Amino acid sequence: MIEHAKFDEIVIASHNLGKTRELSALIKPYCHKIRSAHTLELEEIEETGTSFCQNAQLKALNIAHLSGKVAIADDSGLCIDALNGLPGLYTARWAKQAGGFDGAIDHVLTRMALTQKRQAKMVCALSLAYPSGDVCSFVGELQGTISWRASGGNRIGFEPIFIPLRQNSTLASLPVEKRNALHPRASAFKQLKEHLFCKPAITLHQPHSEEVLHAIV
Protein backbone atom coordinates (compact mmCIF):
# COMPACT_ATOMS: atom_id res chain seq x y z
CA MET A 1 0.00 0.00 0.00
CA ILE A 2 1.30 3.46 -0.90
CA GLU A 3 1.61 5.73 2.11
CA HIS A 4 0.31 9.29 1.90
CA ALA A 5 2.88 12.03 2.06
CA LYS A 6 2.92 13.77 5.44
CA PHE A 7 4.21 16.94 7.03
CA ASP A 8 5.98 16.69 10.36
CA GLU A 9 4.09 19.71 11.70
CA ILE A 10 1.58 22.29 10.49
CA VAL A 11 0.50 25.42 12.36
CA ILE A 12 -3.07 26.59 11.76
CA ALA A 13 -2.98 30.37 11.31
CA SER A 14 -6.09 31.18 13.31
CA HIS A 15 -7.29 32.15 16.78
CA ASN A 16 -10.84 31.04 15.87
CA LEU A 17 -11.39 27.80 17.78
CA GLY A 18 -14.19 26.59 15.50
CA LYS A 19 -12.15 27.14 12.35
CA THR A 20 -9.11 25.54 14.00
CA ARG A 21 -11.18 22.48 14.89
CA GLU A 22 -12.48 22.08 11.32
CA LEU A 23 -9.06 22.54 9.72
CA SER A 24 -7.48 20.14 12.22
CA ALA A 25 -9.97 17.44 11.24
CA LEU A 26 -9.13 17.92 7.56
CA ILE A 27 -5.33 17.87 7.83
CA LYS A 28 -4.97 15.32 10.65
CA PRO A 29 -4.43 12.31 8.30
CA TYR A 30 -1.59 14.14 6.55
CA CYS A 31 0.31 15.67 9.44
CA HIS A 32 2.12 14.20 12.46
CA LYS A 33 1.61 17.25 14.68
CA ILE A 34 -0.90 20.12 14.54
CA ARG A 35 -0.71 23.34 16.50
CA SER A 36 -2.44 26.70 16.15
CA ALA A 37 -1.53 30.37 16.29
CA HIS A 38 -3.80 30.56 19.32
CA THR A 39 -1.98 27.90 21.35
CA LEU A 40 1.40 29.30 20.32
CA GLU A 41 0.24 32.83 21.19
CA LEU A 42 1.31 34.16 17.80
CA GLU A 43 -0.08 37.52 16.73
CA GLU A 44 -2.44 37.63 13.77
CA ILE A 45 -1.76 39.97 10.87
CA GLU A 46 -4.19 42.59 9.58
CA GLU A 47 -6.17 41.35 6.58
CA THR A 48 -5.32 43.95 3.93
CA GLY A 49 -5.72 41.79 0.82
CA THR A 50 -8.16 42.55 -1.99
CA SER A 51 -9.34 38.94 -2.32
CA PHE A 52 -9.99 35.95 -0.10
CA CYS A 53 -6.91 34.32 -1.59
CA GLN A 54 -4.65 37.27 -0.75
CA ASN A 55 -5.92 37.39 2.83
CA ALA A 56 -5.37 33.65 3.29
CA GLN A 57 -1.84 34.03 1.93
CA LEU A 58 -1.09 36.96 4.24
CA LYS A 59 -2.22 34.99 7.29
CA ALA A 60 -0.40 31.79 6.34
CA LEU A 61 2.87 33.57 5.47
CA ASN A 62 2.76 35.57 8.69
CA ILE A 63 2.41 32.50 10.91
CA ALA A 64 4.95 30.51 8.88
CA HIS A 65 7.42 33.35 9.43
CA LEU A 66 6.67 33.70 13.16
CA SER A 67 6.65 29.97 13.91
CA GLY A 68 9.32 28.75 11.54
CA LYS A 69 6.88 25.99 10.53
CA VAL A 70 4.59 25.23 7.62
CA ALA A 71 1.31 27.12 8.18
CA ILE A 72 -2.19 26.84 6.76
CA ALA A 73 -4.74 29.66 6.71
CA ASP A 74 -8.35 30.03 5.68
CA ASP A 75 -10.23 33.13 4.55
CA SER A 76 -13.89 32.82 3.70
CA GLY A 77 -17.06 34.79 3.29
CA LEU A 78 -20.47 35.22 1.69
CA CYS A 79 -20.92 37.19 -1.54
CA ILE A 80 -24.49 38.28 -2.35
CA ASP A 81 -25.36 39.43 -5.88
CA ALA A 82 -28.12 41.83 -4.78
CA LEU A 83 -25.67 43.54 -2.40
CA ASN A 84 -22.95 43.94 -5.05
CA GLY A 85 -20.91 41.09 -3.62
CA LEU A 86 -21.18 42.16 0.01
CA PRO A 87 -20.42 41.24 2.72
CA GLY A 88 -17.61 39.46 0.85
CA LEU A 89 -14.20 40.25 2.32
CA TYR A 90 -15.96 42.13 5.12
CA THR A 91 -18.00 39.15 6.35
CA ALA A 92 -16.30 39.04 9.77
CA ARG A 93 -16.45 42.84 10.06
CA TRP A 94 -20.20 42.84 9.38
CA ALA A 95 -20.68 40.29 12.15
CA LYS A 96 -18.55 42.27 14.58
CA GLN A 97 -20.40 45.51 13.86
CA ALA A 98 -23.76 43.75 14.29
CA GLY A 99 -22.75 42.21 17.61
CA GLY A 100 -22.45 38.72 16.13
CA PHE A 101 -23.68 36.72 13.16
CA ASP A 102 -27.28 36.66 14.37
CA GLY A 103 -27.36 40.44 14.07
CA ALA A 104 -25.58 40.33 10.71
CA ILE A 105 -28.12 37.80 9.43
CA ASP A 106 -30.98 40.08 10.47
CA HIS A 107 -29.24 42.96 8.69
CA VAL A 108 -28.91 40.97 5.45
CA LEU A 109 -32.52 39.76 5.52
CA THR A 110 -33.76 43.30 6.15
CA ARG A 111 -31.76 44.70 3.22
CA MET A 112 -33.03 41.93 0.94
CA ALA A 113 -36.65 41.93 2.10
CA LEU A 114 -38.00 43.43 -1.13
CA THR A 115 -35.81 41.73 -3.74
CA GLN A 116 -36.34 38.48 -5.62
CA LYS A 117 -32.69 38.44 -6.63
CA ARG A 118 -31.39 35.91 -4.11
CA GLN A 119 -28.28 34.50 -5.82
CA ALA A 120 -25.16 34.26 -3.67
CA LYS A 121 -22.02 32.22 -3.21
CA MET A 122 -19.83 31.13 -0.33
CA VAL A 123 -16.10 31.37 -0.97
CA CYS A 124 -13.22 29.79 0.91
CA ALA A 125 -9.52 30.23 0.18
CA LEU A 126 -6.90 27.97 1.76
CA SER A 127 -3.22 28.87 1.67
CA LEU A 128 -0.30 26.71 2.72
CA ALA A 129 2.86 28.69 3.39
CA TYR A 130 6.45 27.79 4.20
CA PRO A 131 9.02 29.68 6.29
CA SER A 132 10.95 30.19 3.05
CA GLY A 133 8.15 32.44 1.76
CA ASP A 134 6.76 29.98 -0.78
CA VAL A 135 2.98 29.62 -0.78
CA CYS A 136 0.31 27.70 -2.64
CA SER A 137 -3.39 28.54 -2.55
CA PHE A 138 -6.66 26.78 -3.30
CA VAL A 139 -10.09 28.40 -3.69
CA GLY A 140 -13.47 26.72 -3.38
CA GLU A 141 -16.88 28.22 -4.13
CA LEU A 142 -20.40 27.03 -3.34
CA GLN A 143 -23.21 28.56 -5.37
CA GLY A 144 -26.63 29.07 -3.83
CA THR A 145 -29.34 31.51 -2.79
CA ILE A 146 -30.31 33.54 0.26
CA SER A 147 -33.36 32.24 2.13
CA TRP A 148 -36.23 34.44 3.31
CA ARG A 149 -35.64 33.54 6.94
CA ALA A 150 -32.95 31.91 9.06
CA SER A 151 -33.22 28.21 9.85
CA GLY A 152 -31.10 25.33 11.08
CA GLY A 153 -29.38 24.33 14.28
CA ASN A 154 -25.79 24.43 13.02
CA ARG A 155 -25.52 28.21 13.36
CA ILE A 156 -22.11 28.98 11.89
CA GLY A 157 -21.64 32.30 10.13
CA PHE A 158 -24.28 33.03 7.48
CA GLU A 159 -25.08 29.33 7.00
CA PRO A 160 -28.62 29.70 8.49
CA ILE A 161 -29.64 31.83 5.47
CA PHE A 162 -27.61 30.18 2.69
CA ILE A 163 -29.31 27.49 0.59
CA PRO A 164 -26.76 25.56 -1.52
CA LEU A 165 -27.56 24.94 -5.18
CA ARG A 166 -29.71 21.82 -5.69
CA GLN A 167 -30.64 21.73 -1.99
CA ASN A 168 -34.00 22.56 -0.39
CA SER A 169 -32.77 23.78 2.98
CA THR A 170 -30.10 26.03 4.40
CA LEU A 171 -26.56 24.82 4.98
CA ALA A 172 -27.23 25.08 8.71
CA SER A 173 -30.19 22.70 8.39
CA LEU A 174 -28.30 19.91 6.64
CA PRO A 175 -26.81 16.90 8.44
CA VAL A 176 -23.26 17.67 9.54
CA GLU A 177 -21.69 15.16 7.15
CA LYS A 178 -23.54 16.62 4.16
CA ARG A 179 -22.83 20.18 5.27
CA ASN A 180 -19.12 19.43 5.58
CA ALA A 181 -19.02 17.77 2.15
CA LEU A 182 -20.73 20.73 0.45
CA HIS A 183 -18.79 23.47 2.24
CA PRO A 184 -16.37 25.42 -0.01
CA ARG A 185 -13.62 24.66 2.52
CA ALA A 186 -14.00 20.99 1.57
CA SER A 187 -13.65 21.88 -2.11
CA ALA A 188 -10.54 23.97 -1.46
CA PHE A 189 -9.02 21.27 0.74
CA LYS A 190 -9.73 18.58 -1.87
CA GLN A 191 -7.51 20.52 -4.27
CA LEU A 192 -4.83 20.98 -1.60
CA LYS A 193 -4.96 17.28 -0.77
CA GLU A 194 -4.68 16.17 -4.38
CA HIS A 195 -1.91 18.67 -5.07
CA LEU A 196 0.25 17.97 -2.02
CA PHE A 197 -0.79 14.92 -0.06
CA CYS A 198 -2.07 12.21 -2.41
CA LYS A 199 1.29 11.19 -3.79
CA PRO A 200 3.76 8.45 -2.86
CA ALA A 201 6.29 10.31 -0.72
CA ILE A 202 7.70 10.47 2.79
CA THR A 203 8.79 14.09 2.90
CA LEU A 204 7.00 17.04 1.34
CA HIS A 205 8.93 19.97 -0.04
CA GLN A 206 7.73 23.49 -0.70
CA PRO A 207 6.58 24.50 -4.20
CA HIS A 208 9.05 26.30 -6.40
CA SER A 209 6.68 29.21 -6.96
CA GLU A 210 3.32 30.58 -5.85
CA GLU A 211 0.45 28.45 -7.14
CA VAL A 212 -3.28 29.14 -7.03
CA LEU A 213 -5.97 26.59 -7.89
CA HIS A 214 -9.69 27.32 -8.10
CA ALA A 215 -12.85 25.20 -8.06
CA ILE A 216 -16.55 26.05 -8.18
CA VAL A 217 -19.25 23.73 -6.82
C-alpha atoms as a PDB file:
ATOM      1  CA  MET A   1       0.000   0.000   0.000  1.00  0.00           C
ATOM      2  CA  ILE A   2       1.303   3.464  -0.900  1.00  0.00           C
ATOM      3  CA  GLU A   3       1.606   5.730   2.114  1.00  0.00           C
ATOM      4  CA  HIS A   4       0.305   9.287   1.895  1.00  0.00           C
ATOM      5  CA  ALA A   5       2.878  12.030   2.061  1.00  0.00           C
ATOM      6  CA  LYS A   6       2.917  13.767   5.440  1.00  0.00           C
ATOM      7  CA  PHE A   7       4.207  16.940   7.025  1.00  0.00           C
ATOM      8  CA  ASP A   8       5.983  16.686  10.357  1.00  0.00           C
ATOM      9  CA  GLU A   9       4.087  19.710  11.700  1.00  0.00           C
ATOM     10  CA  ILE A  10       1.577  22.286  10.494  1.00  0.00           C
ATOM     11  CA  VAL A  11       0.495  25.417  12.355  1.00  0.00           C
ATOM     12  CA  ILE A  12      -3.073  26.595  11.762  1.00  0.00           C
ATOM     13  CA  ALA A  13      -2.978  30.366  11.310  1.00  0.00           C
ATOM     14  CA  SER A  14      -6.086  31.177  13.314  1.00  0.00           C
ATOM     15  CA  HIS A  15      -7.290  32.148  16.777  1.00  0.00           C
ATOM     16  CA  ASN A  16     -10.838  31.037  15.867  1.00  0.00           C
ATOM     17  CA  LEU A  17     -11.393  27.800  17.776  1.00  0.00           C
ATOM     18  CA  GLY A  18     -14.193  26.590  15.500  1.00  0.00           C
ATOM     19  CA  LYS A  19     -12.152  27.137  12.353  1.00  0.00           C
ATOM     20  CA  THR A  20      -9.106  25.536  13.999  1.00  0.00           C
ATOM     21  CA  ARG A  21     -11.178  22.482  14.892  1.00  0.00           C
ATOM     22  CA  GLU A  22     -12.483  22.078  11.323  1.00  0.00           C
ATOM     23  CA  LEU A  23      -9.063  22.537   9.720  1.00  0.00           C
ATOM     24  CA  SER A  24      -7.478  20.137  12.216  1.00  0.00           C
ATOM     25  CA  ALA A  25      -9.972  17.436  11.240  1.00  0.00           C
ATOM     26  CA  LEU A  26      -9.127  17.918   7.557  1.00  0.00           C
ATOM     27  CA  ILE A  27      -5.330  17.873   7.835  1.00  0.00           C
ATOM     28  CA  LYS A  28      -4.967  15.317  10.646  1.00  0.00           C
ATOM     29  CA  PRO A  29      -4.427  12.308   8.299  1.00  0.00           C
ATOM     30  CA  TYR A  30      -1.587  14.141   6.550  1.00  0.00           C
ATOM     31  CA  CYS A  31       0.314  15.667   9.444  1.00  0.00           C
ATOM     32  CA  HIS A  32       2.125  14.199  12.456  1.00  0.00           C
ATOM     33  CA  LYS A  33       1.612  17.247  14.683  1.00  0.00           C
ATOM     34  CA  ILE A  34      -0.900  20.118  14.537  1.00  0.00           C
ATOM     35  CA  ARG A  35      -0.708  23.343  16.505  1.00  0.00           C
ATOM     36  CA  SER A  36      -2.444  26.700  16.148  1.00  0.00           C
ATOM     37  CA  ALA A  37      -1.527  30.370  16.290  1.00  0.00           C
ATOM     38  CA  HIS A  38      -3.804  30.564  19.320  1.00  0.00           C
ATOM     39  CA  THR A  39      -1.984  27.902  21.349  1.00  0.00           C
ATOM     40  CA  LEU A  40       1.404  29.300  20.318  1.00  0.00           C
ATOM     41  CA  GLU A  41       0.243  32.834  21.189  1.00  0.00           C
ATOM     42  CA  LEU A  42       1.313  34.162  17.801  1.00  0.00           C
ATOM     43  CA  GLU A  43      -0.082  37.522  16.731  1.00  0.00           C
ATOM     44  CA  GLU A  44      -2.437  37.626  13.769  1.00  0.00           C
ATOM     45  CA  ILE A  45      -1.758  39.973  10.869  1.00  0.00           C
ATOM     46  CA  GLU A  46      -4.191  42.587   9.575  1.00  0.00           C
ATOM     47  CA  GLU A  47      -6.171  41.346   6.575  1.00  0.00           C
ATOM     48  CA  THR A  48      -5.319  43.945   3.928  1.00  0.00           C
ATOM     49  CA  GLY A  49      -5.723  41.792   0.818  1.00  0.00           C
ATOM     50  CA  THR A  50      -8.159  42.554  -1.987  1.00  0.00           C
ATOM     51  CA  SER A  51      -9.337  38.944  -2.324  1.00  0.00           C
ATOM     52  CA  PHE A  52      -9.991  35.945  -0.105  1.00  0.00           C
ATOM     53  CA  CYS A  53      -6.912  34.324  -1.593  1.00  0.00           C
ATOM     54  CA  GLN A  54      -4.655  37.265  -0.753  1.00  0.00           C
ATOM     55  CA  ASN A  55      -5.921  37.386   2.832  1.00  0.00           C
ATOM     56  CA  ALA A  56      -5.368  33.650   3.292  1.00  0.00           C
ATOM     57  CA  GLN A  57      -1.840  34.031   1.932  1.00  0.00           C
ATOM     58  CA  LEU A  58      -1.094  36.958   4.243  1.00  0.00           C
ATOM     59  CA  LYS A  59      -2.224  34.994   7.290  1.00  0.00           C
ATOM     60  CA  ALA A  60      -0.396  31.795   6.338  1.00  0.00           C
ATOM     61  CA  LEU A  61       2.869  33.568   5.470  1.00  0.00           C
ATOM     62  CA  ASN A  62       2.762  35.570   8.693  1.00  0.00           C
ATOM     63  CA  ILE A  63       2.407  32.500  10.911  1.00  0.00           C
ATOM     64  CA  ALA A  64       4.945  30.508   8.876  1.00  0.00           C
ATOM     65  CA  HIS A  65       7.424  33.348   9.433  1.00  0.00           C
ATOM     66  CA  LEU A  66       6.670  33.703  13.156  1.00  0.00           C
ATOM     67  CA  SER A  67       6.646  29.972  13.914  1.00  0.00           C
ATOM     68  CA  GLY A  68       9.317  28.754  11.539  1.00  0.00           C
ATOM     69  CA  LYS A  69       6.884  25.994  10.531  1.00  0.00           C
ATOM     70  CA  VAL A  70       4.588  25.231   7.616  1.00  0.00           C
ATOM     71  CA  ALA A  71       1.314  27.115   8.182  1.00  0.00           C
ATOM     72  CA  ILE A  72      -2.188  26.835   6.760  1.00  0.00           C
ATOM     73  CA  ALA A  73      -4.743  29.655   6.710  1.00  0.00           C
ATOM     74  CA  ASP A  74      -8.354  30.026   5.678  1.00  0.00           C
ATOM     75  CA  ASP A  75     -10.232  33.128   4.554  1.00  0.00           C
ATOM     76  CA  SER A  76     -13.885  32.823   3.698  1.00  0.00           C
ATOM     77  CA  GLY A  77     -17.063  34.790   3.289  1.00  0.00           C
ATOM     78  CA  LEU A  78     -20.467  35.219   1.691  1.00  0.00           C
ATOM     79  CA  CYS A  79     -20.924  37.193  -1.539  1.00  0.00           C
ATOM     80  CA  ILE A  80     -24.494  38.275  -2.352  1.00  0.00           C
ATOM     81  CA  ASP A  81     -25.356  39.427  -5.875  1.00  0.00           C
ATOM     82  CA  ALA A  82     -28.117  41.832  -4.783  1.00  0.00           C
ATOM     83  CA  LEU A  83     -25.668  43.541  -2.403  1.00  0.00           C
ATOM     84  CA  ASN A  84     -22.954  43.943  -5.054  1.00  0.00           C
ATOM     85  CA  GLY A  85     -20.912  41.092  -3.620  1.00  0.00           C
ATOM     86  CA  LEU A  86     -21.176  42.158   0.007  1.00  0.00           C
ATOM     87  CA  PRO A  87     -20.417  41.237   2.715  1.00  0.00           C
ATOM     88  CA  GLY A  88     -17.613  39.459   0.852  1.00  0.00           C
ATOM     89  CA  LEU A  89     -14.204  40.250   2.324  1.00  0.00           C
ATOM     90  CA  TYR A  90     -15.961  42.126   5.116  1.00  0.00           C
ATOM     91  CA  THR A  91     -17.996  39.152   6.355  1.00  0.00           C
ATOM     92  CA  ALA A  92     -16.301  39.036   9.766  1.00  0.00           C
ATOM     93  CA  ARG A  93     -16.449  42.835  10.059  1.00  0.00           C
ATOM     94  CA  TRP A  94     -20.197  42.837   9.384  1.00  0.00           C
ATOM     95  CA  ALA A  95     -20.682  40.294  12.146  1.00  0.00           C
ATOM     96  CA  LYS A  96     -18.547  42.270  14.579  1.00  0.00           C
ATOM     97  CA  GLN A  97     -20.401  45.513  13.864  1.00  0.00           C
ATOM     98  CA  ALA A  98     -23.758  43.749  14.293  1.00  0.00           C
ATOM     99  CA  GLY A  99     -22.753  42.207  17.611  1.00  0.00           C
ATOM    100  CA  GLY A 100     -22.446  38.722  16.128  1.00  0.00           C
ATOM    101  CA  PHE A 101     -23.675  36.723  13.156  1.00  0.00           C
ATOM    102  CA  ASP A 102     -27.284  36.660  14.368  1.00  0.00           C
ATOM    103  CA  GLY A 103     -27.355  40.436  14.073  1.00  0.00           C
ATOM    104  CA  ALA A 104     -25.581  40.328  10.710  1.00  0.00           C
ATOM    105  CA  ILE A 105     -28.118  37.800   9.428  1.00  0.00           C
ATOM    106  CA  ASP A 106     -30.982  40.078  10.473  1.00  0.00           C
ATOM    107  CA  HIS A 107     -29.245  42.957   8.689  1.00  0.00           C
ATOM    108  CA  VAL A 108     -28.912  40.968   5.447  1.00  0.00           C
ATOM    109  CA  LEU A 109     -32.517  39.765   5.517  1.00  0.00           C
ATOM    110  CA  THR A 110     -33.759  43.301   6.148  1.00  0.00           C
ATOM    111  CA  ARG A 111     -31.763  44.700   3.221  1.00  0.00           C
ATOM    112  CA  MET A 112     -33.034  41.929   0.939  1.00  0.00           C
ATOM    113  CA  ALA A 113     -36.650  41.929   2.104  1.00  0.00           C
ATOM    114  CA  LEU A 114     -38.001  43.427  -1.129  1.00  0.00           C
ATOM    115  CA  THR A 115     -35.809  41.730  -3.740  1.00  0.00           C
ATOM    116  CA  GLN A 116     -36.343  38.484  -5.622  1.00  0.00           C
ATOM    117  CA  LYS A 117     -32.686  38.442  -6.627  1.00  0.00           C
ATOM    118  CA  ARG A 118     -31.393  35.914  -4.105  1.00  0.00           C
ATOM    119  CA  GLN A 119     -28.283  34.503  -5.822  1.00  0.00           C
ATOM    120  CA  ALA A 120     -25.155  34.263  -3.670  1.00  0.00           C
ATOM    121  CA  LYS A 121     -22.018  32.220  -3.210  1.00  0.00           C
ATOM    122  CA  MET A 122     -19.834  31.131  -0.331  1.00  0.00           C
ATOM    123  CA  VAL A 123     -16.096  31.366  -0.967  1.00  0.00           C
ATOM    124  CA  CYS A 124     -13.222  29.786   0.915  1.00  0.00           C
ATOM    125  CA  ALA A 125      -9.519  30.229   0.180  1.00  0.00           C
ATOM    126  CA  LEU A 126      -6.899  27.974   1.762  1.00  0.00           C
ATOM    127  CA  SER A 127      -3.219  28.873   1.670  1.00  0.00           C
ATOM    128  CA  LEU A 128      -0.300  26.708   2.717  1.00  0.00           C
ATOM    129  CA  ALA A 129       2.864  28.694   3.392  1.00  0.00           C
ATOM    130  CA  TYR A 130       6.449  27.788   4.195  1.00  0.00           C
ATOM    131  CA  PRO A 131       9.020  29.683   6.293  1.00  0.00           C
ATOM    132  CA  SER A 132      10.952  30.192   3.046  1.00  0.00           C
ATOM    133  CA  GLY A 133       8.146  32.442   1.763  1.00  0.00           C
ATOM    134  CA  ASP A 134       6.759  29.984  -0.784  1.00  0.00           C
ATOM    135  CA  VAL A 135       2.984  29.620  -0.776  1.00  0.00           C
ATOM    136  CA  CYS A 136       0.308  27.695  -2.644  1.00  0.00           C
ATOM    137  CA  SER A 137      -3.394  28.543  -2.545  1.00  0.00           C
ATOM    138  CA  PHE A 138      -6.658  26.781  -3.299  1.00  0.00           C
ATOM    139  CA  VAL A 139     -10.091  28.398  -3.688  1.00  0.00           C
ATOM    140  CA  GLY A 140     -13.472  26.717  -3.378  1.00  0.00           C
ATOM    141  CA  GLU A 141     -16.884  28.222  -4.126  1.00  0.00           C
ATOM    142  CA  LEU A 142     -20.398  27.028  -3.335  1.00  0.00           C
ATOM    143  CA  GLN A 143     -23.213  28.565  -5.371  1.00  0.00           C
ATOM    144  CA  GLY A 144     -26.635  29.074  -3.827  1.00  0.00           C
ATOM    145  CA  THR A 145     -29.343  31.507  -2.794  1.00  0.00           C
ATOM    146  CA  ILE A 146     -30.308  33.539   0.265  1.00  0.00           C
ATOM    147  CA  SER A 147     -33.364  32.237   2.125  1.00  0.00           C
ATOM    148  CA  TRP A 148     -36.235  34.443   3.313  1.00  0.00           C
ATOM    149  CA  ARG A 149     -35.644  33.542   6.942  1.00  0.00           C
ATOM    150  CA  ALA A 150     -32.950  31.913   9.060  1.00  0.00           C
ATOM    151  CA  SER A 151     -33.224  28.205   9.852  1.00  0.00           C
ATOM    152  CA  GLY A 152     -31.096  25.335  11.081  1.00  0.00           C
ATOM    153  CA  GLY A 153     -29.380  24.331  14.280  1.00  0.00           C
ATOM    154  CA  ASN A 154     -25.792  24.434  13.022  1.00  0.00           C
ATOM    155  CA  ARG A 155     -25.522  28.212  13.355  1.00  0.00           C
ATOM    156  CA  ILE A 156     -22.115  28.982  11.894  1.00  0.00           C
ATOM    157  CA  GLY A 157     -21.644  32.304  10.126  1.00  0.00           C
ATOM    158  CA  PHE A 158     -24.279  33.027   7.485  1.00  0.00           C
ATOM    159  CA  GLU A 159     -25.084  29.332   7.001  1.00  0.00           C
ATOM    160  CA  PRO A 160     -28.620  29.699   8.489  1.00  0.00           C
ATOM    161  CA  ILE A 161     -29.643  31.828   5.470  1.00  0.00           C
ATOM    162  CA  PHE A 162     -27.608  30.181   2.685  1.00  0.00           C
ATOM    163  CA  ILE A 163     -29.306  27.492   0.590  1.00  0.00           C
ATOM    164  CA  PRO A 164     -26.764  25.562  -1.524  1.00  0.00           C
ATOM    165  CA  LEU A 165     -27.556  24.939  -5.183  1.00  0.00           C
ATOM    166  CA  ARG A 166     -29.710  21.825  -5.685  1.00  0.00           C
ATOM    167  CA  GLN A 167     -30.641  21.730  -1.987  1.00  0.00           C
ATOM    168  CA  ASN A 168     -33.996  22.558  -0.394  1.00  0.00           C
ATOM    169  CA  SER A 169     -32.767  23.781   2.978  1.00  0.00           C
ATOM    170  CA  THR A 170     -30.097  26.032   4.396  1.00  0.00           C
ATOM    171  CA  LEU A 171     -26.563  24.823   4.976  1.00  0.00           C
ATOM    172  CA  ALA A 172     -27.230  25.084   8.713  1.00  0.00           C
ATOM    173  CA  SER A 173     -30.191  22.699   8.388  1.00  0.00           C
ATOM    174  CA  LEU A 174     -28.300  19.909   6.635  1.00  0.00           C
ATOM    175  CA  PRO A 175     -26.813  16.900   8.437  1.00  0.00           C
ATOM    176  CA  VAL A 176     -23.264  17.670   9.545  1.00  0.00           C
ATOM    177  CA  GLU A 177     -21.689  15.164   7.154  1.00  0.00           C
ATOM    178  CA  LYS A 178     -23.538  16.617   4.161  1.00  0.00           C
ATOM    179  CA  ARG A 179     -22.826  20.179   5.273  1.00  0.00           C
ATOM    180  CA  ASN A 180     -19.120  19.429   5.578  1.00  0.00           C
ATOM    181  CA  ALA A 181     -19.015  17.767   2.150  1.00  0.00           C
ATOM    182  CA  LEU A 182     -20.726  20.726   0.446  1.00  0.00           C
ATOM    183  CA  HIS A 183     -18.786  23.465   2.239  1.00  0.00           C
ATOM    184  CA  PRO A 184     -16.373  25.418  -0.014  1.00  0.00           C
ATOM    185  CA  ARG A 185     -13.621  24.665   2.516  1.00  0.00           C
ATOM    186  CA  ALA A 186     -13.995  20.989   1.568  1.00  0.00           C
ATOM    187  CA  SER A 187     -13.652  21.882  -2.107  1.00  0.00           C
ATOM    188  CA  ALA A 188     -10.538  23.966  -1.463  1.00  0.00           C
ATOM    189  CA  PHE A 189      -9.019  21.269   0.743  1.00  0.00           C
ATOM    190  CA  LYS A 190      -9.732  18.585  -1.872  1.00  0.00           C
ATOM    191  CA  GLN A 191      -7.515  20.520  -4.265  1.00  0.00           C
ATOM    192  CA  LEU A 192      -4.832  20.981  -1.604  1.00  0.00           C
ATOM    193  CA  LYS A 193      -4.956  17.282  -0.766  1.00  0.00           C
ATOM    194  CA  GLU A 194      -4.676  16.170  -4.381  1.00  0.00           C
ATOM    195  CA  HIS A 195      -1.907  18.668  -5.067  1.00  0.00           C
ATOM    196  CA  LEU A 196       0.252  17.973  -2.017  1.00  0.00           C
ATOM    197  CA  PHE A 197      -0.794  14.922  -0.062  1.00  0.00           C
ATOM    198  CA  CYS A 198      -2.068  12.211  -2.408  1.00  0.00           C
ATOM    199  CA  LYS A 199       1.287  11.189  -3.787  1.00  0.00           C
ATOM    200  CA  PRO A 200       3.761   8.453  -2.861  1.00  0.00           C
ATOM    201  CA  ALA A 201       6.289  10.314  -0.719  1.00  0.00           C
ATOM    202  CA  ILE A 202       7.700  10.467   2.786  1.00  0.00           C
ATOM    203  CA  THR A 203       8.792  14.087   2.904  1.00  0.00           C
ATOM    204  CA  LEU A 204       7.000  17.035   1.335  1.00  0.00           C
ATOM    205  CA  HIS A 205       8.934  19.975  -0.041  1.00  0.00           C
ATOM    206  CA  GLN A 206       7.732  23.491  -0.705  1.00  0.00           C
ATOM    207  CA  PRO A 207       6.581  24.496  -4.203  1.00  0.00           C
ATOM    208  CA  HIS A 208       9.054  26.300  -6.403  1.00  0.00           C
ATOM    209  CA  SER A 209       6.678  29.215  -6.956  1.00  0.00           C
ATOM    210  CA  GLU A 210       3.323  30.581  -5.853  1.00  0.00           C
ATOM    211  CA  GLU A 211       0.453  28.452  -7.139  1.00  0.00           C
ATOM    212  CA  VAL A 212      -3.282  29.144  -7.028  1.00  0.00           C
ATOM    213  CA  LEU A 213      -5.965  26.587  -7.893  1.00  0.00           C
ATOM    214  CA  HIS A 214      -9.693  27.323  -8.102  1.00  0.00           C
ATOM    215  CA  ALA A 215     -12.850  25.199  -8.060  1.00  0.00           C
ATOM    216  CA  ILE A 216     -16.552  26.048  -8.182  1.00  0.00           C
ATOM    217  CA  VAL A 217     -19.248  23.729  -6.822  1.00  0.00           C
END
